[in-house]
Amino acid sequence: MVLWDIFDALSPHARVATAVLPFVAAMVLRVLVGRTMVTRYAVSFTTLWFLINVLLAPYSTGMTEDLLTIRGYFR
């Protein structure tokens, strides 16, 4: 099983959680610890992770089917 297949098996709510929760955790860490090099890298990395999740979501199997269904309504 390829890693991407694991993400395809997740529900939409779980996908949002995997994209948002690391960023929220990094922001909470930043508030608790302050502006350190570790928190700066954590915020940068989790922002990149969120961006990758948002940009790649349309290419998952379930989302592709949903987009094709929506596209069919406008023909």
N, C-alpha and C. Protein backbone atom coordinates (compact mmCIF):
# COMPACT_ATOMS: atom_id res chain seq x y z
N MET A 1 0.84 -1.17 0.00
CA MET A 1 0.00 0.00 0.00
C MET A 1 0.90 1.25 0.00
N VAL A 2 0.65 2.11 -0.94
CA VAL A 2 1.41 3.34 -1.07
C VAL A 2 0.91 4.35 -0.04
N LEU A 3 1.78 5.24 0.40
CA LEU A 3 1.41 6.23 1.41
C LEU A 3 0.21 7.05 0.97
N TRP A 4 0.14 7.40 -0.32
CA TRP A 4 -0.97 8.22 -0.80
C TRP A 4 -2.30 7.48 -0.67
N ASP A 5 -2.29 6.14 -0.77
CA ASP A 5 -3.52 5.35 -0.62
C ASP A 5 -4.08 5.48 0.79
N ILE A 6 -3.22 5.67 1.76
CA ILE A 6 -3.69 5.86 3.13
C ILE A 6 -4.48 7.16 3.22
N PHE A 7 -4.00 8.21 2.58
CA PHE A 7 -4.72 9.48 2.60
C PHE A 7 -6.02 9.40 1.80
N ASP A 8 -6.06 8.60 0.75
CA ASP A 8 -7.29 8.42 -0.01
C ASP A 8 -8.37 7.74 0.83
N ALA A 9 -7.95 6.89 1.76
CA ALA A 9 -8.91 6.15 2.58
C ALA A 9 -9.49 7.01 3.71
N LEU A 10 -8.90 8.14 3.99
CA LEU A 10 -9.39 9.00 5.07
C LEU A 10 -10.67 9.71 4.69
N SER A 11 -11.48 10.00 5.67
CA SER A 11 -12.70 10.78 5.44
C SER A 11 -12.32 12.24 5.22
N PRO A 12 -13.21 13.05 4.66
CA PRO A 12 -12.88 14.47 4.46
C PRO A 12 -12.54 15.19 5.77
N HIS A 13 -13.23 14.84 6.84
CA HIS A 13 -12.94 15.48 8.12
C HIS A 13 -11.54 15.11 8.62
N ALA A 14 -11.15 13.87 8.42
CA ALA A 14 -9.81 13.44 8.83
C ALA A 14 -8.75 14.12 7.98
N ARG A 15 -9.03 14.35 6.71
CA ARG A 15 -8.06 15.04 5.85
C ARG A 15 -7.86 16.48 6.30
N VAL A 16 -8.94 17.15 6.65
CA VAL A 16 -8.83 18.52 7.15
C VAL A 16 -8.04 18.53 8.45
N ALA A 17 -8.31 17.56 9.30
CA ALA A 17 -7.60 17.50 10.58
C ALA A 17 -6.10 17.27 10.37
N THR A 18 -5.73 16.40 9.42
CA THR A 18 -4.31 16.16 9.18
C THR A 18 -3.63 17.38 8.57
N ALA A 19 -4.39 18.27 7.95
CA ALA A 19 -3.81 19.48 7.38
C ALA A 19 -3.73 20.61 8.40
N VAL A 20 -4.75 20.72 9.27
CA VAL A 20 -4.86 21.87 10.15
C VAL A 20 -4.20 21.65 11.52
N LEU A 21 -4.35 20.48 12.07
CA LEU A 21 -3.87 20.24 13.44
C LEU A 21 -2.36 20.48 13.63
N PRO A 22 -1.50 20.08 12.71
CA PRO A 22 -0.07 20.40 12.92
C PRO A 22 0.19 21.91 12.98
N PHE A 23 -0.51 22.68 12.16
CA PHE A 23 -0.34 24.13 12.19
C PHE A 23 -0.83 24.71 13.50
N VAL A 24 -1.98 24.24 13.97
CA VAL A 24 -2.52 24.72 15.25
C VAL A 24 -1.56 24.37 16.38
N ALA A 25 -1.01 23.16 16.34
CA ALA A 25 -0.05 22.76 17.37
C ALA A 25 1.20 23.63 17.34
N ALA A 26 1.67 23.98 16.15
CA ALA A 26 2.85 24.85 16.04
C ALA A 26 2.55 26.25 16.58
N MET A 27 1.35 26.75 16.31
CA MET A 27 0.99 28.07 16.82
C MET A 27 0.84 28.07 18.34
N VAL A 28 0.27 27.00 18.89
CA VAL A 28 0.16 26.89 20.35
C VAL A 28 1.55 26.82 20.97
N LEU A 29 2.43 26.05 20.36
CA LEU A 29 3.81 25.96 20.84
C LEU A 29 4.49 27.33 20.80
N ARG A 30 4.21 28.08 19.75
CA ARG A 30 4.81 29.42 19.64
C ARG A 30 4.30 30.35 20.73
N VAL A 31 3.00 30.25 21.04
CA VAL A 31 2.44 31.09 22.09
C VAL A 31 3.03 30.70 23.45
N LEU A 32 3.17 29.40 23.69
CA LEU A 32 3.67 28.94 24.98
C LEU A 32 5.16 29.20 25.18
N VAL A 33 5.95 28.97 24.13
CA VAL A 33 7.41 29.05 24.25
C VAL A 33 7.95 30.41 23.83
N GLY A 34 7.31 31.02 22.86
CA GLY A 34 7.79 32.29 22.34
C GLY A 34 8.42 32.10 20.96
N ARG A 35 8.99 33.18 20.46
CA ARG A 35 9.60 33.14 19.13
C ARG A 35 11.02 32.59 19.24
N THR A 36 11.13 31.31 18.99
CA THR A 36 12.43 30.68 18.95
C THR A 36 12.65 30.14 17.55
N MET A 37 13.85 29.69 17.31
CA MET A 37 14.17 29.13 16.00
C MET A 37 13.34 27.88 15.73
N VAL A 38 13.11 27.08 16.75
CA VAL A 38 12.33 25.85 16.59
C VAL A 38 10.90 26.18 16.21
N THR A 39 10.30 27.15 16.88
CA THR A 39 8.91 27.49 16.56
C THR A 39 8.80 28.14 15.19
N ARG A 40 9.81 28.89 14.79
CA ARG A 40 9.79 29.48 13.44
C ARG A 40 9.81 28.39 12.38
N TYR A 41 10.69 27.41 12.57
CA TYR A 41 10.73 26.29 11.62
C TYR A 41 9.45 25.47 11.67
N ALA A 42 8.90 25.28 12.85
CA ALA A 42 7.66 24.51 12.98
C ALA A 42 6.51 25.20 12.26
N VAL A 43 6.39 26.50 12.42
CA VAL A 43 5.33 27.25 11.74
C VAL A 43 5.55 27.21 10.23
N SER A 44 6.78 27.37 9.80
CA SER A 44 7.07 27.32 8.36
C SER A 44 6.78 25.94 7.77
N PHE A 45 7.22 24.90 8.45
CA PHE A 45 7.01 23.55 7.96
C PHE A 45 5.52 23.20 7.93
N THR A 46 4.79 23.54 8.99
CA THR A 46 3.37 23.19 9.02
C THR A 46 2.56 24.02 8.03
N THR A 47 2.99 25.24 7.75
CA THR A 47 2.34 26.03 6.71
C THR A 47 2.55 25.38 5.34
N LEU A 48 3.75 24.91 5.09
CA LEU A 48 4.04 24.20 3.85
C LEU A 48 3.22 22.91 3.76
N TRP A 49 3.12 22.18 4.86
CA TRP A 49 2.33 20.95 4.91
C TRP A 49 0.86 21.25 4.58
N PHE A 50 0.31 22.32 5.15
CA PHE A 50 -1.06 22.71 4.87
C PHE A 50 -1.23 23.05 3.39
N LEU A 51 -0.29 23.79 2.83
CA LEU A 51 -0.35 24.17 1.43
C LEU A 51 -0.31 22.95 0.52
N ILE A 52 0.56 22.01 0.82
CA ILE A 52 0.64 20.79 0.02
C ILE A 52 -0.68 20.02 0.09
N ASN A 53 -1.26 19.92 1.29
CA ASN A 53 -2.53 19.23 1.43
C ASN A 53 -3.63 19.90 0.63
N VAL A 54 -3.68 21.21 0.66
CA VAL A 54 -4.73 21.94 -0.06
C VAL A 54 -4.53 21.82 -1.57
N LEU A 55 -3.30 21.92 -2.03
CA LEU A 55 -3.05 21.86 -3.47
C LEU A 55 -3.20 20.45 -4.04
N LEU A 56 -2.89 19.43 -3.26
CA LEU A 56 -2.96 18.06 -3.77
C LEU A 56 -4.32 17.40 -3.54
N ALA A 57 -5.17 18.00 -2.75
CA ALA A 57 -6.48 17.40 -2.46
C ALA A 57 -7.31 17.14 -3.72
N PRO A 58 -7.33 18.02 -4.71
CA PRO A 58 -8.13 17.73 -5.90
C PRO A 58 -7.66 16.52 -6.69
N TYR A 59 -6.44 16.06 -6.45
CA TYR A 59 -5.92 14.93 -7.21
C TYR A 59 -6.18 13.58 -6.55
N SER A 60 -6.82 13.58 -5.37
CA SER A 60 -7.17 12.31 -4.74
C SER A 60 -8.34 11.69 -5.50
N THR A 61 -8.50 10.40 -5.37
CA THR A 61 -9.52 9.68 -6.13
C THR A 61 -10.93 10.18 -5.83
N GLY A 62 -11.25 10.29 -4.56
CA GLY A 62 -12.60 10.75 -4.18
C GLY A 62 -12.89 12.16 -4.63
N MET A 63 -11.93 13.05 -4.48
CA MET A 63 -12.12 14.43 -4.88
C MET A 63 -12.22 14.56 -6.39
N THR A 64 -11.46 13.77 -7.13
CA THR A 64 -11.55 13.79 -8.58
C THR A 64 -12.94 13.39 -9.04
N GLU A 65 -13.49 12.36 -8.44
CA GLU A 65 -14.85 11.94 -8.78
C GLU A 65 -15.87 13.02 -8.46
N ASP A 66 -15.71 13.67 -7.31
CA ASP A 66 -16.63 14.75 -6.93
C ASP A 66 -16.53 15.92 -7.91
N LEU A 67 -15.32 16.27 -8.31
CA LEU A 67 -15.15 17.38 -9.26
C LEU A 67 -15.75 17.05 -10.62
N LEU A 68 -15.60 15.81 -11.06
CA LEU A 68 -16.19 15.41 -12.33
C LEU A 68 -17.72 15.41 -12.26
N THR A 69 -18.26 15.04 -11.12
CA THR A 69 -19.71 15.07 -10.94
C THR A 69 -20.22 16.50 -10.99
N ILE A 70 -19.53 17.40 -10.31
CA ILE A 70 -19.92 18.81 -10.32
C ILE A 70 -19.79 19.39 -11.72
N ARG A 71 -18.74 19.02 -12.42
CA ARG A 71 -18.53 19.51 -13.78
C ARG A 71 -19.65 19.04 -14.70
N GLY A 72 -20.17 17.85 -14.46
CA GLY A 72 -21.27 17.31 -15.27
C GLY A 72 -22.57 18.09 -15.12
N TYR A 73 -22.75 18.74 -13.98
CA TYR A 73 -23.96 19.53 -13.76
C TYR A 73 -24.00 20.78 -14.65
N PHE A 74 -22.87 21.26 -15.08
CA PHE A 74 -22.81 22.50 -15.85
C PHE A 74 -22.75 22.26 -17.36
N ARG A 75 -22.86 21.03 -17.80
CA ARG A 75 -22.83 20.75 -19.23
C ARG A 75 -24.21 20.78 -19.82
